[in-house]
Amino acid sequence: RQETADGAQVVAFAADTLLPAAIEELDGDGVLLWRATFTGYRDSGGVPLATRIGIELPQAQQSVDITLSDPELNPALPATLFALPTPPGATIAPL
């Protein structure tokens, strides 16, 4: 539990693995602002990775569950993936 200026952030760990199981943020009155849960851990290159993630926003009455079926931890990405072409008529100015 970490107290903040506006409330607190709380992290819960699984007793058997000590991996993060949930994190939540509370406002100054202790009201839950949001919660994320982490389950279905699998080994990904020697690193435990949660494959089921739940996110809840109680005040908005919204939630989402995410399941990762074939996750890759830090895959190699080509540099061209981040290249932005210069639009026609634009001038490149070094900063």
Protein backbone atom coordinates (compact mmCIF):
# COMPACT_ATOMS: atom_id res chain seq x y z
CA ARG A 1 0.00 0.00 0.00
CA GLN A 2 1.32 3.41 -1.00
CA GLU A 3 -0.44 6.49 0.28
CA THR A 4 -0.74 9.28 -2.30
CA ALA A 5 -1.82 12.90 -2.09
CA ASP A 6 -5.27 11.87 -3.37
CA GLY A 7 -5.72 8.46 -1.69
CA ALA A 8 -3.77 5.22 -2.04
CA GLN A 9 -2.49 2.62 -4.47
CA VAL A 10 -2.66 -0.99 -3.29
CA VAL A 11 -0.90 -3.98 -4.85
CA ALA A 12 -1.83 -7.55 -3.87
CA PHE A 13 0.48 -10.49 -4.55
CA ALA A 14 -0.42 -14.18 -4.91
CA ALA A 15 0.64 -16.02 -1.75
CA ASP A 16 2.06 -19.04 -3.59
CA THR A 17 4.02 -17.29 -6.39
CA LEU A 18 4.43 -13.73 -5.06
CA LEU A 19 3.40 -12.49 -8.53
CA PRO A 20 1.12 -9.44 -8.77
CA ALA A 21 -2.52 -10.53 -8.55
CA ALA A 22 -4.25 -7.14 -8.40
CA ILE A 23 -3.66 -3.43 -8.18
CA GLU A 24 -6.19 -0.81 -7.24
CA GLU A 25 -6.41 2.89 -6.62
CA LEU A 26 -8.55 4.43 -3.90
CA ASP A 27 -9.55 8.04 -3.49
CA GLY A 28 -9.07 9.98 -0.25
CA ASP A 29 -12.31 8.55 1.19
CA GLY A 30 -11.29 4.96 0.43
CA VAL A 31 -13.62 4.65 -2.58
CA LEU A 32 -12.32 2.31 -5.29
CA LEU A 33 -11.46 4.28 -8.45
CA TRP A 34 -10.16 1.35 -10.53
CA ARG A 35 -8.84 -2.17 -10.18
CA ALA A 36 -6.76 -4.42 -12.44
CA THR A 37 -6.36 -8.16 -11.88
CA PHE A 38 -3.70 -10.47 -13.30
CA THR A 39 -4.08 -14.27 -13.65
CA GLY A 40 -3.12 -17.09 -15.96
CA TYR A 41 0.60 -16.48 -15.68
CA ARG A 42 2.75 -18.26 -18.29
CA ASP A 43 6.49 -18.34 -18.86
CA SER A 44 7.54 -16.03 -21.68
CA GLY A 45 11.28 -16.24 -22.27
CA GLY A 46 11.97 -16.86 -18.60
CA VAL A 47 9.63 -14.10 -17.42
CA PRO A 48 6.19 -14.80 -15.91
CA LEU A 49 3.54 -13.00 -17.96
CA ALA A 50 -0.15 -12.64 -17.04
CA THR A 51 -2.35 -13.88 -19.88
CA ARG A 52 -5.66 -12.82 -18.33
CA ILE A 53 -6.09 -9.19 -17.33
CA GLY A 54 -9.24 -7.67 -15.89
CA ILE A 55 -9.88 -3.94 -15.58
CA GLU A 56 -12.75 -2.52 -13.58
CA LEU A 57 -14.04 1.06 -13.25
CA PRO A 58 -16.75 0.74 -10.57
CA GLN A 59 -17.98 4.32 -10.64
CA ALA A 60 -18.59 4.08 -14.41
CA GLN A 61 -19.96 0.54 -14.02
CA GLN A 62 -17.55 -0.62 -16.73
CA SER A 63 -15.16 -3.53 -16.93
CA VAL A 64 -13.17 -5.40 -19.53
CA ASP A 65 -11.47 -8.78 -19.51
CA ILE A 66 -8.47 -9.29 -21.79
CA THR A 67 -7.07 -12.71 -22.69
CA LEU A 68 -3.69 -12.95 -24.39
CA SER A 69 -3.56 -16.13 -26.46
CA ASP A 70 -0.03 -15.98 -27.88
CA PRO A 71 1.88 -13.22 -26.08
CA GLU A 72 5.45 -12.26 -26.93
CA LEU A 73 7.56 -10.39 -24.44
CA ASN A 74 9.53 -7.54 -26.05
CA PRO A 75 9.55 -8.93 -29.62
CA ALA A 76 12.05 -7.50 -32.09
CA LEU A 77 10.34 -4.82 -34.15
CA PRO A 78 11.69 -3.36 -37.39
CA ALA A 79 12.78 0.28 -37.15
CA THR A 80 10.62 1.04 -40.20
CA LEU A 81 7.56 0.40 -38.04
CA PHE A 82 8.26 3.72 -36.30
CA ALA A 83 9.33 5.71 -39.38
CA LEU A 84 6.98 8.49 -40.40
CA PRO A 85 7.16 9.60 -44.03
CA THR A 86 7.56 13.31 -44.64
CA PRO A 87 4.30 14.68 -46.06
CA PRO A 88 4.51 16.21 -49.55
CA GLY A 89 5.48 19.88 -49.39
CA ALA A 90 6.84 19.65 -45.81
CA THR A 91 10.36 20.72 -44.95
CA ILE A 92 12.51 18.76 -42.52
CA ALA A 93 14.09 21.09 -39.94
CA PRO A 94 16.71 19.62 -37.56
CA LEU A 95 16.00 20.48 -33.94
